[in-house]
Amino acid sequence: MRHSLLLILPFLAPALPAMAELQAFPPTRVGQPELKTLPAGVLLKSSGSGGYFAQANGLFMPLFRYIQRHEIAMTVPVEAQVDQAAMYFWVAESEAAKVAGNESGVVVERRAARPVASLGARGSYSEKNFITTRDRLLAWVREQPGLEAAGEPYAVYWSGPFTPGFLKRYEVHVPVRKKPAS
């Protein structure tokens, strides 16, 4: 048992700091689609041109420098608009007073609570994994009576950049609404 723990510890250690971060909302269980309402909140946005997976590193740094400069605690998850290359950091309610407005490629957005369909997954933050999870989620939404997608699916990332791919947690969300009566 002791030797097993020693073999696993190097892989778990990078994930431990992520456990101490603030959470904007609870994660969706892996493989379990659900409907949930995301809370109202303040998000910081960094955007670029093209698709997210080609721009992710360039989107992260302006957000990271912003929270570092204003001493804002990191909050998980991080959201990513895939087709429009945008990354969003949630700001915990306890940290909102530290937000100083738009600056250096970061735009402050205030969002109302919103309903989404969500599917949790595990694996690397790759375009292939996003597409697979997105397609499963959209199929599930189509099967729900009286419900329809009300926007584009996006990625939601829970794990830090140094977490090994097989340990990373992510979700795909799609805004939803009740179908209009026919």
N, C-alpha and C. Protein backbone atom coordinates (compact mmCIF):
# COMPACT_ATOMS: atom_id res chain seq x y z
N MET A 1 0.83 -1.20 0.00
CA MET A 1 0.00 0.00 0.00
C MET A 1 0.87 1.25 0.00
N ARG A 2 1.90 1.26 0.86
CA ARG A 2 2.78 2.43 0.95
C ARG A 2 3.47 2.68 -0.39
N HIS A 3 3.92 1.61 -1.05
CA HIS A 3 4.60 1.76 -2.33
C HIS A 3 3.64 2.25 -3.41
N SER A 4 2.39 1.82 -3.35
CA SER A 4 1.39 2.29 -4.32
C SER A 4 1.18 3.79 -4.18
N LEU A 5 1.11 4.27 -2.94
CA LEU A 5 0.93 5.70 -2.70
C LEU A 5 2.12 6.49 -3.24
N LEU A 6 3.31 5.98 -3.05
CA LEU A 6 4.51 6.65 -3.55
C LEU A 6 4.51 6.72 -5.08
N LEU A 7 3.98 5.71 -5.74
CA LEU A 7 3.90 5.73 -7.20
C LEU A 7 2.86 6.71 -7.71
N ILE A 8 1.77 6.88 -6.99
CA ILE A 8 0.67 7.74 -7.41
C ILE A 8 0.91 9.20 -7.05
N LEU A 9 1.61 9.46 -5.94
CA LEU A 9 1.79 10.82 -5.43
C LEU A 9 2.33 11.81 -6.47
N PRO A 10 3.34 11.45 -7.28
CA PRO A 10 3.82 12.44 -8.27
C PRO A 10 2.74 12.87 -9.26
N PHE A 11 1.77 12.01 -9.52
CA PHE A 11 0.70 12.36 -10.45
C PHE A 11 -0.40 13.18 -9.77
N LEU A 12 -0.62 12.96 -8.48
CA LEU A 12 -1.66 13.69 -7.76
C LEU A 12 -1.19 15.06 -7.29
N ALA A 13 0.09 15.21 -7.01
CA ALA A 13 0.61 16.47 -6.46
C ALA A 13 0.23 17.69 -7.29
N PRO A 14 0.33 17.66 -8.63
CA PRO A 14 -0.06 18.86 -9.38
C PRO A 14 -1.53 19.22 -9.25
N ALA A 15 -2.37 18.25 -8.93
CA ALA A 15 -3.81 18.52 -8.82
C ALA A 15 -4.17 19.11 -7.46
N LEU A 16 -3.33 18.95 -6.45
CA LEU A 16 -3.67 19.41 -5.10
C LEU A 16 -3.91 20.91 -5.01
N PRO A 17 -3.10 21.79 -5.65
CA PRO A 17 -3.40 23.22 -5.53
C PRO A 17 -4.79 23.58 -6.06
N ALA A 18 -5.26 22.87 -7.08
CA ALA A 18 -6.58 23.18 -7.64
C ALA A 18 -7.69 22.96 -6.62
N MET A 19 -7.45 22.05 -5.66
CA MET A 19 -8.47 21.77 -4.66
C MET A 19 -8.67 22.95 -3.71
N ALA A 20 -7.68 23.82 -3.58
CA ALA A 20 -7.76 24.94 -2.66
C ALA A 20 -8.41 26.17 -3.29
N GLU A 21 -8.64 26.15 -4.59
CA GLU A 21 -9.20 27.31 -5.27
C GLU A 21 -10.67 27.50 -4.91
N LEU A 22 -11.15 28.72 -5.10
CA LEU A 22 -12.55 29.02 -4.90
C LEU A 22 -13.36 28.46 -6.08
N GLN A 23 -14.59 28.07 -5.82
CA GLN A 23 -15.46 27.53 -6.87
C GLN A 23 -16.63 28.46 -7.11
N ALA A 24 -16.90 28.75 -8.39
CA ALA A 24 -18.05 29.59 -8.75
C ALA A 24 -19.36 28.81 -8.61
N PHE A 25 -19.30 27.51 -8.87
CA PHE A 25 -20.45 26.62 -8.77
C PHE A 25 -19.92 25.19 -8.72
N PRO A 26 -20.74 24.22 -8.29
CA PRO A 26 -20.26 22.84 -8.21
C PRO A 26 -20.08 22.20 -9.59
N PRO A 27 -19.09 21.32 -9.72
CA PRO A 27 -18.89 20.64 -10.99
C PRO A 27 -19.98 19.59 -11.25
N THR A 28 -20.17 19.29 -12.51
CA THR A 28 -21.08 18.21 -12.92
C THR A 28 -20.31 16.90 -12.84
N ARG A 29 -20.95 15.86 -12.35
CA ARG A 29 -20.29 14.55 -12.24
C ARG A 29 -19.93 14.02 -13.62
N VAL A 30 -18.82 13.34 -13.70
CA VAL A 30 -18.34 12.77 -14.95
C VAL A 30 -19.37 11.80 -15.51
N GLY A 31 -19.71 11.99 -16.79
CA GLY A 31 -20.63 11.10 -17.47
C GLY A 31 -22.10 11.29 -17.14
N GLN A 32 -22.43 12.28 -16.30
CA GLN A 32 -23.81 12.49 -15.85
C GLN A 32 -24.35 13.81 -16.38
N PRO A 33 -25.08 13.80 -17.48
CA PRO A 33 -25.66 15.06 -17.95
C PRO A 33 -26.68 15.59 -16.93
N GLU A 34 -26.74 16.90 -16.82
CA GLU A 34 -27.69 17.51 -15.89
C GLU A 34 -28.08 18.90 -16.37
N LEU A 35 -29.19 19.37 -15.82
CA LEU A 35 -29.59 20.76 -15.99
C LEU A 35 -29.22 21.48 -14.71
N LYS A 36 -28.63 22.67 -14.84
CA LYS A 36 -28.32 23.46 -13.65
C LYS A 36 -28.38 24.93 -14.00
N THR A 37 -28.52 25.74 -12.97
CA THR A 37 -28.53 27.18 -13.16
C THR A 37 -27.22 27.73 -12.63
N LEU A 38 -26.46 28.35 -13.52
CA LEU A 38 -25.21 28.98 -13.10
C LEU A 38 -25.55 30.27 -12.36
N PRO A 39 -24.79 30.60 -11.34
CA PRO A 39 -25.10 31.80 -10.56
C PRO A 39 -24.78 33.07 -11.34
N ALA A 40 -25.41 34.16 -10.94
CA ALA A 40 -25.01 35.46 -11.45
C ALA A 40 -23.59 35.71 -10.97
N GLY A 41 -22.83 36.47 -11.75
CA GLY A 41 -21.47 36.72 -11.30
C GLY A 41 -20.70 37.66 -12.20
N VAL A 42 -19.47 37.92 -11.77
CA VAL A 42 -18.53 38.74 -12.52
C VAL A 42 -17.52 37.80 -13.18
N LEU A 43 -17.32 37.99 -14.48
CA LEU A 43 -16.34 37.21 -15.21
C LEU A 43 -15.38 38.15 -15.92
N LEU A 44 -14.14 37.71 -16.05
CA LEU A 44 -13.12 38.45 -16.77
C LEU A 44 -12.90 37.74 -18.09
N LYS A 45 -12.89 38.49 -19.19
CA LYS A 45 -12.82 37.90 -20.53
C LYS A 45 -11.58 38.37 -21.28
N SER A 46 -10.91 37.40 -21.90
CA SER A 46 -9.82 37.68 -22.83
C SER A 46 -10.21 37.02 -24.15
N SER A 47 -10.11 37.75 -25.25
CA SER A 47 -10.54 37.16 -26.52
C SER A 47 -9.47 37.35 -27.60
N GLY A 48 -9.57 36.53 -28.62
CA GLY A 48 -8.64 36.58 -29.74
C GLY A 48 -9.38 36.26 -31.02
N SER A 49 -8.64 36.08 -32.08
CA SER A 49 -9.27 35.73 -33.36
C SER A 49 -9.07 34.24 -33.62
N GLY A 50 -9.99 33.67 -34.37
CA GLY A 50 -9.89 32.25 -34.68
C GLY A 50 -10.49 31.39 -33.59
N GLY A 51 -10.08 30.13 -33.57
CA GLY A 51 -10.62 29.18 -32.62
C GLY A 51 -9.85 29.14 -31.32
N TYR A 52 -10.51 28.69 -30.27
CA TYR A 52 -9.93 28.65 -28.94
C TYR A 52 -8.67 27.80 -28.86
N PHE A 53 -8.69 26.62 -29.44
CA PHE A 53 -7.58 25.70 -29.25
C PHE A 53 -6.29 26.19 -29.88
N ALA A 54 -6.37 27.09 -30.84
CA ALA A 54 -5.16 27.70 -31.42
C ALA A 54 -4.70 28.90 -30.60
N GLN A 55 -5.57 29.45 -29.74
CA GLN A 55 -5.28 30.70 -29.03
C GLN A 55 -5.17 30.56 -27.51
N ALA A 56 -5.41 29.39 -26.94
CA ALA A 56 -5.58 29.24 -25.49
C ALA A 56 -4.45 29.86 -24.67
N ASN A 57 -3.20 29.62 -25.02
CA ASN A 57 -2.10 30.17 -24.22
C ASN A 57 -2.10 31.69 -24.24
N GLY A 58 -2.37 32.29 -25.38
CA GLY A 58 -2.41 33.74 -25.48
C GLY A 58 -3.60 34.36 -24.75
N LEU A 59 -4.65 33.60 -24.57
CA LEU A 59 -5.83 34.10 -23.86
C LEU A 59 -5.64 34.05 -22.34
N PHE A 60 -4.90 33.08 -21.88
CA PHE A 60 -4.71 32.87 -20.45
C PHE A 60 -3.90 33.98 -19.79
N MET A 61 -2.79 34.36 -20.40
CA MET A 61 -1.85 35.27 -19.74
C MET A 61 -2.44 36.64 -19.39
N PRO A 62 -3.22 37.31 -20.26
CA PRO A 62 -3.81 38.59 -19.84
C PRO A 62 -4.71 38.43 -18.60
N LEU A 63 -5.46 37.33 -18.54
CA LEU A 63 -6.33 37.09 -17.39
C LEU A 63 -5.51 36.82 -16.13
N PHE A 64 -4.49 36.02 -16.27
CA PHE A 64 -3.64 35.71 -15.13
C PHE A 64 -2.95 36.96 -14.60
N ARG A 65 -2.41 37.79 -15.50
CA ARG A 65 -1.76 39.02 -15.06
C ARG A 65 -2.76 39.96 -14.37
N TYR A 66 -3.99 40.00 -14.86
CA TYR A 66 -5.02 40.85 -14.25
C TYR A 66 -5.30 40.43 -12.81
N ILE A 67 -5.55 39.12 -12.60
CA ILE A 67 -5.88 38.69 -11.24
C ILE A 67 -4.66 38.82 -10.33
N GLN A 68 -3.47 38.63 -10.89
CA GLN A 68 -2.26 38.79 -10.09
C GLN A 68 -2.06 40.26 -9.68
N ARG A 69 -2.21 41.16 -10.63
CA ARG A 69 -2.02 42.60 -10.39
C ARG A 69 -3.01 43.13 -9.35
N HIS A 70 -4.23 42.61 -9.38
CA HIS A 70 -5.28 43.10 -8.47
C HIS A 70 -5.48 42.20 -7.25
N GLU A 71 -4.59 41.21 -7.10
CA GLU A 71 -4.62 40.29 -5.96
C GLU A 71 -5.99 39.62 -5.80
N ILE A 72 -6.51 39.14 -6.93
CA ILE A 72 -7.78 38.43 -6.96
C ILE A 72 -7.48 36.93 -6.93
N ALA A 73 -8.10 36.22 -6.01
CA ALA A 73 -7.89 34.77 -5.90
C ALA A 73 -8.43 34.07 -7.14
N MET A 74 -7.71 33.05 -7.57
CA MET A 74 -8.16 32.25 -8.71
C MET A 74 -9.44 31.51 -8.33
N THR A 75 -10.41 31.55 -9.21
CA THR A 75 -11.68 30.85 -9.01
C THR A 75 -11.86 29.88 -10.16
N VAL A 76 -12.29 28.68 -9.87
CA VAL A 76 -12.60 27.71 -10.91
C VAL A 76 -14.11 27.61 -11.02
N PRO A 77 -14.58 27.26 -12.21
CA PRO A 77 -13.84 26.84 -13.39
C PRO A 77 -13.44 28.02 -14.28
N VAL A 78 -12.74 27.69 -15.34
CA VAL A 78 -12.43 28.62 -16.42
C VAL A 78 -13.33 28.24 -17.58
N GLU A 79 -13.97 29.22 -18.21
CA GLU A 79 -14.84 28.94 -19.37
C GLU A 79 -14.09 29.29 -20.65
N ALA A 80 -14.44 28.58 -21.73
CA ALA A 80 -13.81 28.84 -23.02
C ALA A 80 -14.85 28.78 -24.13
N GLN A 81 -14.98 29.89 -24.87
CA GLN A 81 -15.79 29.90 -26.09
C GLN A 81 -14.91 29.32 -27.19
N VAL A 82 -15.30 28.21 -27.73
CA VAL A 82 -14.42 27.46 -28.63
C VAL A 82 -14.33 28.08 -30.01
N ASP A 83 -15.45 28.40 -30.63
CA ASP A 83 -15.42 28.92 -32.00
C ASP A 83 -14.94 30.36 -32.08
N GLN A 84 -15.10 31.12 -31.01
CA GLN A 84 -14.78 32.55 -31.04
C GLN A 84 -13.56 32.92 -30.20
N ALA A 85 -12.74 31.96 -29.83
CA ALA A 85 -11.49 32.17 -29.09
C ALA A 85 -11.63 33.17 -27.95
N ALA A 86 -12.33 32.76 -26.91
CA ALA A 86 -12.44 33.60 -25.71
C ALA A 86 -12.29 32.72 -24.48
N MET A 87 -11.64 33.27 -23.46
CA MET A 87 -11.48 32.59 -22.18
C MET A 87 -12.03 33.50 -21.09
N TYR A 88 -12.71 32.90 -20.13
CA TYR A 88 -13.32 33.65 -19.04
C TYR A 88 -12.84 33.11 -17.70
N PHE A 89 -12.44 34.00 -16.81
CA PHE A 89 -12.18 33.66 -15.42
C PHE A 89 -13.36 34.15 -14.60
N TRP A 90 -13.90 33.28 -13.76
CA TRP A 90 -14.91 33.69 -12.80
C TRP A 90 -14.23 34.45 -11.67
N VAL A 91 -14.90 35.42 -11.11
CA VAL A 91 -14.41 36.14 -9.93
C VAL A 91 -15.35 35.77 -8.78
N ALA A 92 -14.77 35.22 -7.71
CA ALA A 92 -15.58 34.84 -6.56
C ALA A 92 -16.26 36.09 -5.99
N GLU A 93 -17.45 35.90 -5.45
CA GLU A 93 -18.19 37.02 -4.86
C GLU A 93 -17.35 37.75 -3.82
N SER A 94 -16.57 36.99 -3.06
CA SER A 94 -15.72 37.59 -2.02
C SER A 94 -14.58 38.43 -2.60
N GLU A 95 -14.29 38.28 -3.89
CA GLU A 95 -13.19 38.99 -4.55
C GLU A 95 -13.67 40.10 -5.48
N ALA A 96 -14.97 40.23 -5.67
CA ALA A 96 -15.52 41.14 -6.68
C ALA A 96 -15.13 42.61 -6.47
N ALA A 97 -14.95 43.03 -5.24
CA ALA A 97 -14.58 44.43 -4.97
C ALA A 97 -13.20 44.78 -5.51
N LYS A 98 -12.38 43.77 -5.78
CA LYS A 98 -11.02 44.00 -6.28
C LYS A 98 -10.98 44.23 -7.80
N VAL A 99 -12.08 43.95 -8.49
CA VAL A 99 -12.12 44.11 -9.95
C VAL A 99 -12.04 45.60 -10.26
N ALA A 100 -11.10 45.96 -11.13
CA ALA A 100 -10.81 47.38 -11.40
C ALA A 100 -11.31 47.87 -12.75
N GLY A 101 -12.13 47.09 -13.43
CA GLY A 101 -12.62 47.51 -14.74
C GLY A 101 -11.78 46.94 -15.87
N ASN A 102 -12.14 47.29 -17.10
CA ASN A 102 -11.45 46.79 -18.28
C ASN A 102 -10.03 47.34 -18.34
N GLU A 103 -9.09 46.47 -18.71
CA GLU A 103 -7.72 46.93 -18.90
C GLU A 103 -6.87 45.83 -19.54
N SER A 104 -5.89 46.25 -20.32
CA SER A 104 -4.88 45.35 -20.89
C SER A 104 -5.45 44.08 -21.51
N GLY A 105 -6.44 44.23 -22.38
CA GLY A 105 -7.00 43.08 -23.08
C GLY A 105 -7.98 42.25 -22.27
N VAL A 106 -8.37 42.74 -21.10
CA VAL A 106 -9.34 42.03 -20.25
C VAL A 106 -10.60 42.88 -20.13
N VAL A 107 -11.74 42.26 -20.41
CA VAL A 107 -13.03 42.92 -20.33
C VAL A 107 -13.80 42.32 -19.17
N VAL A 108 -14.39 43.18 -18.34
CA VAL A 108 -15.20 42.72 -17.21
C VAL A 108 -16.64 42.57 -17.68
N GLU A 109 -17.22 41.40 -17.41
CA GLU A 109 -18.62 41.14 -17.76
C GLU A 109 -19.39 40.75 -16.50
N ARG A 110 -20.58 41.30 -16.37
CA ARG A 110 -21.48 40.90 -15.29
C ARG A 110 -22.60 40.10 -15.93
N ARG A 111 -22.78 38.88 -15.45
CA ARG A 111 -23.77 38.00 -16.03
C ARG A 111 -24.87 37.68 -15.03
N ALA A 112 -26.06 37.57 -15.57
CA ALA A 112 -27.21 37.12 -14.77
C ALA A 112 -27.14 35.60 -14.63
N ALA A 113 -27.86 35.07 -13.67
CA ALA A 113 -27.97 33.62 -13.54
C ALA A 113 -28.53 33.08 -14.84
N ARG A 114 -28.09 31.89 -15.23
CA ARG A 114 -28.55 31.34 -16.50
C ARG A 114 -28.61 29.82 -16.46
N PRO A 115 -29.65 29.25 -17.09
CA PRO A 115 -29.77 27.79 -17.12
C PRO A 115 -28.91 27.19 -18.23
N VAL A 116 -28.27 26.08 -17.91
CA VAL A 116 -27.47 25.36 -18.89
C VAL A 116 -27.71 23.86 -18.74
N ALA A 117 -27.45 23.15 -19.81
CA ALA A 117 -27.30 21.70 -19.74
C ALA A 117 -25.80 21.47 -19.67
N SER A 118 -25.39 20.49 -18.87
CA SER A 118 -23.97 20.27 -18.61
C SER A 118 -23.66 18.78 -18.65
N LEU A 119 -22.49 18.44 -19.18
CA LEU A 119 -22.00 17.07 -19.16
C LEU A 119 -20.56 17.09 -18.69
N GLY A 120 -20.27 16.41 -17.58
CA GLY A 120 -18.92 16.34 -17.04
C GLY A 120 -18.12 15.24 -17.72
N ALA A 121 -16.80 15.46 -17.81
CA ALA A 121 -15.92 14.48 -18.45
C ALA A 121 -14.53 14.57 -17.82
N ARG A 122 -13.69 13.62 -18.17
CA ARG A 122 -12.32 13.58 -17.70
C ARG A 122 -11.42 13.39 -18.91
N GLY A 123 -10.27 14.08 -18.92
CA GLY A 123 -9.31 13.92 -20.00
C GLY A 123 -8.65 15.24 -20.35
N SER A 124 -7.78 15.21 -21.32
CA SER A 124 -7.05 16.41 -21.71
C SER A 124 -8.00 17.45 -22.31
N TYR A 125 -7.57 18.68 -22.27
CA TYR A 125 -8.37 19.78 -22.80
C TYR A 125 -8.07 19.92 -24.29
N SER A 126 -8.58 18.96 -25.05
CA SER A 126 -8.31 18.93 -26.49
C SER A 126 -9.59 19.20 -27.27
N GLU A 127 -9.41 19.61 -28.50
CA GLU A 127 -10.55 19.84 -29.38
C GLU A 127 -11.34 18.55 -29.58
N LYS A 128 -10.64 17.43 -29.73
CA LYS A 128 -11.30 16.14 -29.91
C LYS A 128 -12.20 15.81 -28.72
N ASN A 129 -11.69 15.98 -27.50
CA ASN A 129 -12.50 15.70 -26.31
C ASN A 129 -13.68 16.65 -26.21
N PHE A 130 -13.46 17.92 -26.54
CA PHE A 130 -14.56 18.88 -26.52
C PHE A 130 -15.66 18.44 -27.48
N ILE A 131 -15.31 18.11 -28.71
CA ILE A 131 -16.29 17.74 -29.73
C ILE A 131 -17.06 16.48 -29.31
N THR A 132 -16.36 15.49 -28.80
CA THR A 132 -17.02 14.25 -28.36
C THR A 132 -18.03 14.54 -27.25
N THR A 133 -17.61 15.32 -26.26
CA THR A 133 -18.50 15.64 -25.13
C THR A 133 -19.63 16.55 -25.57
N ARG A 134 -19.34 17.52 -26.42
CA ARG A 134 -20.38 18.42 -26.95
C ARG A 134 -21.46 17.62 -27.67
N ASP A 135 -21.03 16.70 -28.53
CA ASP A 135 -22.01 15.93 -29.31
C ASP A 135 -22.88 15.06 -28.41
N ARG A 136 -22.29 14.47 -27.37
CA ARG A 136 -23.08 13.67 -26.41
C ARG A 136 -24.08 14.55 -25.68
N LEU A 137 -23.63 15.75 -25.27
CA LEU A 137 -24.52 16.66 -24.54
C LEU A 137 -25.67 17.13 -25.43
N LEU A 138 -25.38 17.52 -26.66
CA LEU A 138 -26.44 18.00 -27.55
C LEU A 138 -27.45 16.89 -27.86
N ALA A 139 -26.98 15.65 -27.99
CA ALA A 139 -27.89 14.52 -28.21
C ALA A 139 -28.80 14.36 -26.99
N TRP A 140 -28.24 14.50 -25.79
CA TRP A 140 -29.03 14.40 -24.56
C TRP A 140 -30.08 15.51 -24.49
N VAL A 141 -29.70 16.74 -24.84
CA VAL A 141 -30.64 17.86 -24.82
C VAL A 141 -31.80 17.59 -25.78
N ARG A 142 -31.50 17.07 -26.97
CA ARG A 142 -32.55 16.79 -27.95
C ARG A 142 -33.54 15.74 -27.44
N GLU A 143 -33.09 14.87 -26.54
CA GLU A 143 -33.96 13.82 -25.98
C GLU A 143 -34.85 14.33 -24.84
N GLN A 144 -34.57 15.52 -24.33
CA GLN A 144 -35.34 16.04 -23.20
C GLN A 144 -36.61 16.74 -23.71
N PRO A 145 -37.78 16.25 -23.31
CA PRO A 145 -39.02 16.87 -23.78
C PRO A 145 -39.14 18.31 -23.27
N GLY A 146 -39.56 19.19 -24.16
CA GLY A 146 -39.81 20.57 -23.80
C GLY A 146 -38.57 21.42 -23.61
N LEU A 147 -37.40 20.93 -24.03
CA LEU A 147 -36.15 21.66 -23.83
C LEU A 147 -35.42 21.81 -25.16
N GLU A 148 -34.73 22.95 -25.33
CA GLU A 148 -33.92 23.13 -26.52
C GLU A 148 -32.69 23.97 -26.19
N ALA A 149 -31.65 23.80 -27.01
CA ALA A 149 -30.44 24.61 -26.87
C ALA A 149 -30.79 26.05 -27.20
N ALA A 150 -30.18 26.99 -26.48
CA ALA A 150 -30.47 28.42 -26.68
C ALA A 150 -29.19 29.21 -26.92
N GLY A 151 -28.16 28.53 -27.38
CA GLY A 151 -26.89 29.18 -27.64
C GLY A 151 -25.85 28.14 -28.03
N GLU A 152 -24.62 28.59 -28.14
CA GLU A 152 -23.52 27.71 -28.56
C GLU A 152 -22.92 26.97 -27.36
N PRO A 153 -22.57 25.70 -27.54
CA PRO A 153 -21.87 24.98 -26.47
C PRO A 153 -20.49 25.61 -26.22
N TYR A 154 -20.03 25.50 -24.98
CA TYR A 154 -18.70 26.01 -24.62
C TYR A 154 -18.07 25.07 -23.60
N ALA A 155 -16.75 25.18 -23.45
CA ALA A 155 -15.99 24.33 -22.54
C ALA A 155 -15.89 24.98 -21.16
N VAL A 156 -15.80 24.14 -20.15
CA VAL A 156 -15.66 24.58 -18.76
C VAL A 156 -14.56 23.72 -18.15
N TYR A 157 -13.45 24.34 -17.75
CA TYR A 157 -12.27 23.62 -17.30
C TYR A 157 -12.05 23.78 -15.80
N TRP A 158 -11.87 22.66 -15.11
CA TRP A 158 -11.75 22.65 -13.66
C TRP A 158 -10.33 22.47 -13.15
N SER A 159 -9.44 21.87 -13.90
CA SER A 159 -8.12 21.51 -13.41
C SER A 159 -7.05 22.48 -13.88
N GLY A 160 -6.00 22.58 -13.09
CA GLY A 160 -4.89 23.47 -13.41
C GLY A 160 -4.04 22.95 -14.56
N PRO A 161 -3.19 23.81 -15.11
CA PRO A 161 -2.41 23.45 -16.30
C PRO A 161 -1.38 22.36 -16.05
N PHE A 162 -0.97 22.14 -14.81
CA PHE A 162 0.05 21.13 -14.53
C PHE A 162 -0.55 19.78 -14.13
N THR A 163 -1.86 19.68 -14.15
CA THR A 163 -2.53 18.41 -13.86
C THR A 163 -2.38 17.50 -15.08
N PRO A 164 -1.94 16.25 -14.89
CA PRO A 164 -1.84 15.33 -16.03
C PRO A 164 -3.19 15.18 -16.73
N GLY A 165 -3.17 15.04 -18.05
CA GLY A 165 -4.39 14.98 -18.85
C GLY A 165 -5.41 13.98 -18.36
N PHE A 166 -4.97 12.79 -17.96
CA PHE A 166 -5.93 11.77 -17.55
C PHE A 166 -6.62 12.10 -16.22
N LEU A 167 -6.09 13.08 -15.48
CA LEU A 167 -6.73 13.50 -14.22
C LEU A 167 -7.57 14.76 -14.38
N LYS A 168 -7.47 15.43 -15.51
CA LYS A 168 -8.19 16.70 -15.69
C LYS A 168 -9.69 16.47 -15.75
N ARG A 169 -10.43 17.42 -15.17
CA ARG A 169 -11.89 17.41 -15.21
C ARG A 169 -12.35 18.59 -16.05
N TYR A 170 -13.35 18.34 -16.88
CA TYR A 170 -13.95 19.42 -17.67
C TYR A 170 -15.41 19.11 -17.88
N GLU A 171 -16.11 20.11 -18.37
CA GLU A 171 -17.52 19.96 -18.74
C GLU A 171 -17.74 20.67 -20.06
N VAL A 172 -18.83 20.34 -20.68
CA VAL A 172 -19.35 21.15 -21.79
C VAL A 172 -20.72 21.62 -21.35
N HIS A 173 -20.96 22.92 -21.52
CA HIS A 173 -22.27 23.52 -21.22
C HIS A 173 -22.90 24.01 -22.51
N VAL A 174 -24.21 24.03 -22.52
CA VAL A 174 -24.96 24.70 -23.58
C VAL A 174 -26.12 25.43 -22.90
N PRO A 175 -26.30 26.71 -23.19
CA PRO A 175 -27.47 27.41 -22.65
C PRO A 175 -28.74 26.72 -23.15
N VAL A 176 -29.77 26.66 -22.30
CA VAL A 176 -31.02 25.99 -22.67
C VAL A 176 -32.22 26.86 -22.29
N ARG A 177 -33.35 26.53 -22.91
CA ARG A 177 -34.61 27.18 -22.59
C ARG A 177 -35.73 26.19 -22.87
N LYS A 178 -36.91 26.50 -22.34
CA LYS A 178 -38.08 25.69 -22.66
C LYS A 178 -38.45 25.93 -24.12
N LYS A 179 -38.88 24.86 -24.78
CA LYS A 179 -39.34 25.01 -26.16
C LYS A 179 -40.63 25.80 -26.16
N PRO A 180 -40.77 26.72 -27.13
CA PRO A 180 -42.04 27.45 -27.22
C PRO A 180 -43.18 26.49 -27.57
N ALA A 181 -44.34 26.77 -27.05
CA ALA A 181 -45.51 25.94 -27.36
C ALA A 181 -45.83 26.08 -28.85
N SER A 182 -46.15 24.93 -29.47
CA SER A 182 -46.46 24.98 -30.91
C SER A 182 -47.91 25.24 -31.18
